[in-house]
Amino acid sequence: MATRREKALDRLFRALASAPRREILRLAARQKCAVTQFARQRNMSQPAVSKHVRILVDAALLIKTRHGR
């Protein structure tokens, strides 16, 4: 059975294994960016970007704030 620490490391490595997620992290390190803004810049769908963001948040690599609706 995996320990809590091993599970956290699994989430971290899974998050970093994806090039689009690494690109989201690079952008987020420079400026705040809405999911829709990132999706337009990278020609990705909003649901795809949201899924990547959710994985980054679950791995504690990104903090998500909600504005608007």
N, C-alpha and C. Protein backbone atom coordinates (compact mmCIF):
# COMPACT_ATOMS: atom_id res chain seq x y z
N MET A 1 0.84 -1.18 0.00
CA MET A 1 0.00 0.00 0.00
C MET A 1 0.89 1.25 0.00
N ALA A 2 0.57 2.17 -0.87
CA ALA A 2 1.38 3.39 -1.00
C ALA A 2 1.11 4.34 0.16
N THR A 3 2.16 4.97 0.61
CA THR A 3 2.02 5.94 1.68
C THR A 3 1.50 7.26 1.11
N ARG A 4 1.11 8.15 2.01
CA ARG A 4 0.63 9.46 1.59
C ARG A 4 1.70 10.21 0.80
N ARG A 5 2.93 10.10 1.25
CA ARG A 5 4.04 10.77 0.56
C ARG A 5 4.24 10.20 -0.85
N GLU A 6 4.18 8.89 -0.98
CA GLU A 6 4.33 8.25 -2.30
C GLU A 6 3.21 8.68 -3.24
N LYS A 7 2.00 8.78 -2.72
CA LYS A 7 0.88 9.24 -3.56
C LYS A 7 1.08 10.68 -4.01
N ALA A 8 1.59 11.52 -3.12
CA ALA A 8 1.86 12.91 -3.49
C ALA A 8 2.94 12.99 -4.56
N LEU A 9 3.97 12.17 -4.43
CA LEU A 9 5.02 12.14 -5.45
C LEU A 9 4.49 11.63 -6.79
N ASP A 10 3.61 10.65 -6.75
CA ASP A 10 3.00 10.15 -7.98
C ASP A 10 2.23 11.26 -8.69
N ARG A 11 1.45 12.04 -7.91
CA ARG A 11 0.70 13.15 -8.50
C ARG A 11 1.65 14.20 -9.08
N LEU A 12 2.74 14.48 -8.38
CA LEU A 12 3.71 15.47 -8.84
C LEU A 12 4.34 15.04 -10.17
N PHE A 13 4.83 13.81 -10.23
CA PHE A 13 5.48 13.35 -11.46
C PHE A 13 4.49 13.22 -12.61
N ARG A 14 3.26 12.82 -12.30
CA ARG A 14 2.23 12.75 -13.35
C ARG A 14 1.97 14.15 -13.91
N ALA A 15 1.90 15.13 -13.04
CA ALA A 15 1.65 16.50 -13.49
C ALA A 15 2.78 17.02 -14.35
N LEU A 16 4.01 16.74 -13.97
CA LEU A 16 5.17 17.26 -14.70
C LEU A 16 5.48 16.48 -15.98
N ALA A 17 4.84 15.34 -16.16
CA ALA A 17 5.13 14.51 -17.33
C ALA A 17 4.54 15.08 -18.63
N SER A 18 3.65 16.04 -18.51
CA SER A 18 2.94 16.57 -19.68
C SER A 18 3.51 17.92 -20.11
N ALA A 19 3.86 18.04 -21.39
CA ALA A 19 4.39 19.30 -21.92
C ALA A 19 3.39 20.45 -21.79
N PRO A 20 2.10 20.26 -22.08
CA PRO A 20 1.17 21.38 -21.90
C PRO A 20 1.08 21.84 -20.45
N ARG A 21 1.16 20.92 -19.51
CA ARG A 21 1.11 21.32 -18.10
C ARG A 21 2.37 22.08 -17.70
N ARG A 22 3.51 21.66 -18.22
CA ARG A 22 4.74 22.42 -17.93
C ARG A 22 4.65 23.82 -18.52
N GLU A 23 4.04 23.96 -19.68
CA GLU A 23 3.86 25.27 -20.31
C GLU A 23 2.91 26.14 -19.47
N ILE A 24 1.86 25.55 -18.95
CA ILE A 24 0.95 26.29 -18.07
C ILE A 24 1.70 26.78 -16.84
N LEU A 25 2.55 25.94 -16.27
CA LEU A 25 3.34 26.36 -15.10
C LEU A 25 4.29 27.50 -15.44
N ARG A 26 4.93 27.42 -16.61
CA ARG A 26 5.84 28.51 -17.01
C ARG A 26 5.09 29.83 -17.15
N LEU A 27 3.92 29.78 -17.76
CA LEU A 27 3.12 30.99 -17.93
C LEU A 27 2.64 31.51 -16.57
N ALA A 28 2.17 30.62 -15.73
CA ALA A 28 1.66 31.01 -14.41
C ALA A 28 2.76 31.59 -13.53
N ALA A 29 3.99 31.17 -13.74
CA ALA A 29 5.10 31.71 -12.95
C ALA A 29 5.37 33.17 -13.32
N ARG A 30 5.03 33.54 -14.55
CA ARG A 30 5.28 34.91 -15.02
C ARG A 30 4.12 35.85 -14.76
N GLN A 31 2.89 35.35 -14.86
CA GLN A 31 1.72 36.21 -14.73
C GLN A 31 0.47 35.40 -14.42
N LYS A 32 -0.52 36.08 -13.86
CA LYS A 32 -1.81 35.43 -13.68
C LYS A 32 -2.46 35.30 -15.05
N CYS A 33 -3.12 34.20 -15.28
CA CYS A 33 -3.70 33.95 -16.60
C CYS A 33 -4.99 33.16 -16.44
N ALA A 34 -6.04 33.62 -17.08
CA ALA A 34 -7.30 32.89 -17.06
C ALA A 34 -7.20 31.65 -17.96
N VAL A 35 -7.96 30.64 -17.61
CA VAL A 35 -7.97 29.41 -18.41
C VAL A 35 -8.34 29.72 -19.86
N THR A 36 -9.34 30.57 -20.05
CA THR A 36 -9.77 30.90 -21.42
C THR A 36 -8.68 31.64 -22.18
N GLN A 37 -7.95 32.50 -21.48
CA GLN A 37 -6.85 33.23 -22.13
C GLN A 37 -5.75 32.26 -22.56
N PHE A 38 -5.39 31.35 -21.70
CA PHE A 38 -4.36 30.38 -22.05
C PHE A 38 -4.83 29.49 -23.21
N ALA A 39 -6.10 29.09 -23.17
CA ALA A 39 -6.64 28.24 -24.23
C ALA A 39 -6.55 28.93 -25.59
N ARG A 40 -6.88 30.21 -25.63
CA ARG A 40 -6.80 30.95 -26.90
C ARG A 40 -5.36 31.07 -27.38
N GLN A 41 -4.44 31.38 -26.46
CA GLN A 41 -3.03 31.56 -26.82
C GLN A 41 -2.43 30.28 -27.37
N ARG A 42 -2.84 29.15 -26.87
CA ARG A 42 -2.23 27.87 -27.24
C ARG A 42 -3.09 27.03 -28.17
N ASN A 43 -4.22 27.61 -28.61
CA ASN A 43 -5.13 26.91 -29.53
C ASN A 43 -5.57 25.56 -28.95
N MET A 44 -5.95 25.59 -27.68
CA MET A 44 -6.46 24.41 -26.99
C MET A 44 -7.90 24.69 -26.56
N SER A 45 -8.66 23.66 -26.34
CA SER A 45 -10.02 23.86 -25.85
C SER A 45 -9.98 24.23 -24.36
N GLN A 46 -10.99 24.97 -23.93
CA GLN A 46 -11.07 25.36 -22.52
C GLN A 46 -11.18 24.14 -21.61
N PRO A 47 -11.98 23.12 -21.97
CA PRO A 47 -12.04 21.93 -21.11
C PRO A 47 -10.69 21.21 -20.98
N ALA A 48 -9.90 21.19 -22.06
CA ALA A 48 -8.58 20.54 -21.99
C ALA A 48 -7.66 21.30 -21.04
N VAL A 49 -7.67 22.62 -21.14
CA VAL A 49 -6.83 23.43 -20.25
C VAL A 49 -7.30 23.27 -18.81
N SER A 50 -8.60 23.27 -18.60
CA SER A 50 -9.13 23.10 -17.24
C SER A 50 -8.70 21.77 -16.63
N LYS A 51 -8.69 20.73 -17.44
CA LYS A 51 -8.25 19.41 -16.94
C LYS A 51 -6.78 19.47 -16.54
N HIS A 52 -5.94 20.09 -17.36
CA HIS A 52 -4.52 20.23 -17.02
C HIS A 52 -4.35 21.03 -15.73
N VAL A 53 -5.11 22.11 -15.60
CA VAL A 53 -5.03 22.95 -14.40
C VAL A 53 -5.44 22.14 -13.17
N ARG A 54 -6.50 21.35 -13.29
CA ARG A 54 -6.96 20.53 -12.16
C ARG A 54 -5.86 19.56 -11.71
N ILE A 55 -5.16 18.97 -12.64
CA ILE A 55 -4.08 18.04 -12.30
C ILE A 55 -2.93 18.78 -11.60
N LEU A 56 -2.62 20.00 -12.08
CA LEU A 56 -1.57 20.80 -11.45
C LEU A 56 -1.97 21.22 -10.04
N VAL A 57 -3.23 21.56 -9.85
CA VAL A 57 -3.72 21.93 -8.52
C VAL A 57 -3.67 20.71 -7.59
N ASP A 58 -4.09 19.56 -8.08
CA ASP A 58 -4.06 18.33 -7.27
C ASP A 58 -2.64 17.96 -6.85
N ALA A 59 -1.67 18.32 -7.68
CA ALA A 59 -0.26 18.04 -7.36
C ALA A 59 0.36 19.15 -6.53
N ALA A 60 -0.43 20.13 -6.13
CA ALA A 60 0.02 21.27 -5.32
C ALA A 60 1.09 22.11 -6.04
N LEU A 61 0.99 22.16 -7.37
CA LEU A 61 1.93 22.97 -8.15
C LEU A 61 1.32 24.30 -8.56
N LEU A 62 0.03 24.43 -8.41
CA LEU A 62 -0.68 25.62 -8.88
C LEU A 62 -1.82 25.90 -7.92
N ILE A 63 -2.09 27.18 -7.72
CA ILE A 63 -3.23 27.59 -6.91
C ILE A 63 -4.25 28.20 -7.86
N LYS A 64 -5.45 27.71 -7.79
CA LYS A 64 -6.51 28.18 -8.68
C LYS A 64 -7.44 29.11 -7.91
N THR A 65 -7.70 30.26 -8.49
CA THR A 65 -8.69 31.18 -7.93
C THR A 65 -9.78 31.38 -8.96
N ARG A 66 -10.96 31.62 -8.47
CA ARG A 66 -12.10 31.78 -9.38
C ARG A 66 -12.57 33.22 -9.36
N HIS A 67 -12.74 33.78 -10.54
CA HIS A 67 -13.25 35.14 -10.69
C HIS A 67 -14.43 35.09 -11.64
N GLY A 68 -15.41 35.89 -11.41
CA GLY A 68 -16.56 35.89 -12.32
C GLY A 68 -17.65 34.98 -11.82
N ARG A 69 -18.27 34.27 -12.72
CA ARG A 69 -19.42 33.43 -12.39
C ARG A 69 -19.10 32.46 -11.35
